[in-house]
Protein backbone atom coordinates (compact mmCIF):
# COMPACT_ATOMS: atom_id res chain seq x y z
CA MET A 1 -28.65 -17.48 -20.73
CA ASN A 2 -28.44 -19.70 -17.70
CA GLU A 3 -28.18 -17.50 -14.58
CA THR A 4 -28.03 -18.81 -11.03
CA LYS A 5 -29.33 -17.07 -8.01
CA PRO A 6 -26.83 -15.89 -5.43
CA PRO A 7 -26.96 -17.76 -2.09
CA ARG A 8 -29.09 -16.13 0.59
CA SER A 9 -26.15 -15.58 2.88
CA PHE A 10 -22.44 -16.11 2.58
CA ASP A 11 -21.37 -19.11 4.72
CA THR A 12 -17.94 -18.74 6.37
CA GLY A 13 -18.37 -21.90 8.41
CA SER A 14 -15.79 -23.78 6.40
CA VAL A 15 -13.09 -21.47 7.66
CA SER A 16 -14.39 -19.85 10.79
CA GLY A 17 -13.13 -22.64 13.08
CA ILE A 18 -9.60 -22.48 11.68
CA ILE A 19 -7.19 -20.91 14.09
CA GLY A 20 -5.15 -19.18 11.40
CA TYR A 21 -8.34 -17.60 9.94
CA ARG A 22 -9.46 -16.37 13.33
CA LEU A 23 -5.94 -15.04 14.11
CA ARG A 24 -5.88 -13.20 10.76
CA ARG A 25 -9.36 -11.72 11.31
CA ALA A 26 -8.27 -10.50 14.79
CA GLN A 27 -5.13 -9.07 13.37
CA VAL A 28 -6.95 -7.15 10.64
CA GLY A 29 -9.38 -5.76 13.17
CA VAL A 30 -6.59 -4.61 15.63
CA PHE A 31 -4.50 -3.19 12.78
CA GLN A 32 -7.43 -1.18 11.46
CA GLN A 33 -8.01 0.28 14.89
CA PHE A 34 -4.27 0.94 15.23
CA MET A 35 -4.22 2.80 11.89
CA ALA A 36 -7.11 4.98 12.91
CA ARG A 37 -5.50 5.77 16.24
CA PHE A 38 -2.08 6.48 14.73
CA ALA A 39 -3.22 8.31 11.58
CA GLU A 40 -1.94 11.58 13.10
CA PHE A 41 1.47 10.05 13.43
CA GLY A 42 1.55 8.45 9.95
CA LEU A 43 2.77 5.26 11.48
CA THR A 44 2.18 1.65 10.52
CA PRO A 45 2.27 -1.03 13.14
CA ALA A 46 5.73 -2.18 11.83
CA GLU A 47 7.14 1.38 12.07
CA TYR A 48 5.82 1.85 15.54
CA SER A 49 7.35 -1.51 16.64
CA VAL A 50 10.71 -0.52 15.15
CA LEU A 51 10.80 2.89 16.88
CA ALA A 52 9.67 1.33 20.17
CA LEU A 53 12.44 -1.33 20.06
CA ILE A 54 15.11 1.15 19.03
CA GLY A 55 14.00 3.47 21.88
CA ALA A 56 14.18 0.64 24.38
CA ASN A 57 17.52 -0.72 22.92
CA PRO A 58 19.54 2.24 21.65
CA GLY A 59 22.60 1.15 19.68
CA SER A 60 21.18 -2.17 18.75
CA LYS A 61 22.06 -3.66 15.24
CA GLN A 62 19.61 -3.53 12.38
CA THR A 63 19.62 -7.36 12.31
CA GLN A 64 18.56 -7.59 15.91
CA VAL A 65 15.51 -5.27 15.43
CA GLY A 66 14.56 -6.89 12.25
CA GLU A 67 14.82 -10.41 13.60
CA ALA A 68 12.84 -9.48 16.68
CA LEU A 69 9.97 -8.40 14.48
CA GLY A 70 10.29 -11.04 11.75
CA ILE A 71 11.06 -8.49 9.11
CA LYS A 72 13.27 -9.55 6.20
CA ARG A 73 16.58 -7.71 5.83
CA ALA A 74 15.57 -5.94 2.49
CA ASN A 75 12.24 -4.87 3.92
CA PHE A 76 13.79 -3.64 7.16
CA VAL A 77 16.38 -1.57 5.25
CA THR A 78 13.50 0.21 3.39
CA LEU A 79 11.68 0.71 6.60
CA ILE A 80 14.59 2.15 8.45
CA ASN A 81 15.49 4.36 5.40
CA ALA A 82 11.93 5.84 5.58
CA LEU A 83 12.19 6.47 9.31
CA GLU A 84 15.54 8.06 8.88
CA ALA A 85 14.29 10.24 6.07
CA ARG A 86 11.55 11.51 8.54
CA GLY A 87 14.30 12.45 10.95
CA LEU A 88 13.22 9.91 13.57
CA THR A 89 16.13 7.46 13.55
CA GLU A 90 19.87 7.51 12.74
CA ARG A 91 22.44 4.90 11.99
CA ARG A 92 25.87 5.07 13.38
CA GLN A 93 28.85 2.95 12.88
CA ARG A 94 29.29 0.37 15.66
CA ALA A 95 32.43 0.62 17.61
CA GLY A 96 34.72 -2.33 16.64
CA ASP A 97 32.41 -3.44 13.84
CA ARG A 98 32.52 -1.43 10.66
CA ARG A 99 30.07 -3.83 8.95
CA ALA A 100 27.17 -3.23 11.32
CA ASN A 101 25.14 -0.09 11.96
CA ALA A 102 23.96 0.88 15.43
CA LEU A 103 20.40 2.25 15.41
CA PHE A 104 19.36 5.25 17.58
CA LEU A 105 16.35 7.52 17.83
CA THR A 106 17.07 11.12 17.05
CA GLU A 107 16.01 13.83 19.57
CA SER A 108 12.84 14.31 17.52
CA GLY A 109 12.49 10.60 17.27
CA GLU A 110 12.50 10.33 21.07
CA ALA A 111 9.81 13.00 21.42
CA PHE A 112 7.80 11.36 18.68
CA ILE A 113 7.88 7.88 20.24
CA ALA A 114 7.05 9.34 23.68
CA LYS A 115 3.75 10.69 22.11
CA ALA A 116 3.05 7.46 20.17
CA ASN A 117 3.73 5.38 23.42
CA ALA A 118 1.05 7.32 25.23
CA VAL A 119 -1.43 6.58 22.44
CA GLN A 120 -0.40 2.99 22.32
CA ALA A 121 -0.80 2.64 26.16
CA GLN A 122 -4.31 3.96 25.90
CA PHE A 123 -5.08 1.66 22.95
CA GLU A 124 -3.59 -1.36 24.81
CA ALA A 125 -5.68 -0.52 27.88
CA GLU A 126 -8.81 -0.49 25.68
CA MET A 127 -7.89 -3.84 24.02
CA VAL A 128 -7.36 -5.36 27.56
CA GLU A 129 -10.74 -4.05 28.60
CA GLN A 130 -12.40 -5.46 25.43
CA LEU A 131 -10.79 -8.89 26.28
CA GLY A 132 -12.30 -8.78 29.72
CA GLY A 133 -9.31 -7.65 31.85
CA GLN A 134 -5.69 -8.37 32.56
CA GLN A 135 -6.20 -12.03 33.41
CA ALA A 136 -7.78 -12.57 29.91
CA ARG A 137 -4.97 -10.61 28.25
CA ASP A 138 -2.40 -12.75 29.99
CA GLN A 139 -4.13 -15.94 28.98
CA LEU A 140 -4.33 -14.71 25.34
CA VAL A 141 -0.69 -13.85 25.25
CA ALA A 142 0.26 -17.26 26.86
CA LEU A 143 -1.82 -19.12 24.21
CA LEU A 144 -0.38 -17.15 21.37
CA ASP A 145 3.10 -17.85 22.65
CA ARG A 146 2.37 -21.52 22.34
CA LEU A 147 1.99 -20.94 18.55
CA VAL A 148 5.28 -19.33 18.10
CA PRO A 149 7.89 -21.84 16.95
CA THR A 150 10.82 -22.28 19.34
CA GLN A 151 14.32 -21.95 17.79
CA GLY A 152 16.77 -24.67 18.59
């Protein structure tokens, strides 16, 4: 049998300088921390974002929220169905447009997102501190914005 010895260390040098690789590693790290912080709420980052956007934009259309988050229509419907089943959101028929649903937080959804927003604010403050302060955070956000394709 011809066995080879495993390498002494695993070399990630071939990918560590790739922007996409570094972004993904950062995302995984932030999401893991998010999941630990939000375990008591049973929320994923996508669910939190949907609730936060509906709370800030009551009566918005499903397509508006889904597009803002880059969530495909079928996936968004599944997500909103789950939030509705938990009693956090509700769909109402839009005035003047029977084809579109307006999204709202329920009363318990408003209380729920208020608690989640407090945890998110603390988490965000810790991330800003980890980056080195508000200026570093603003710089990171500006750099990330450059990578977002513009529509037009």
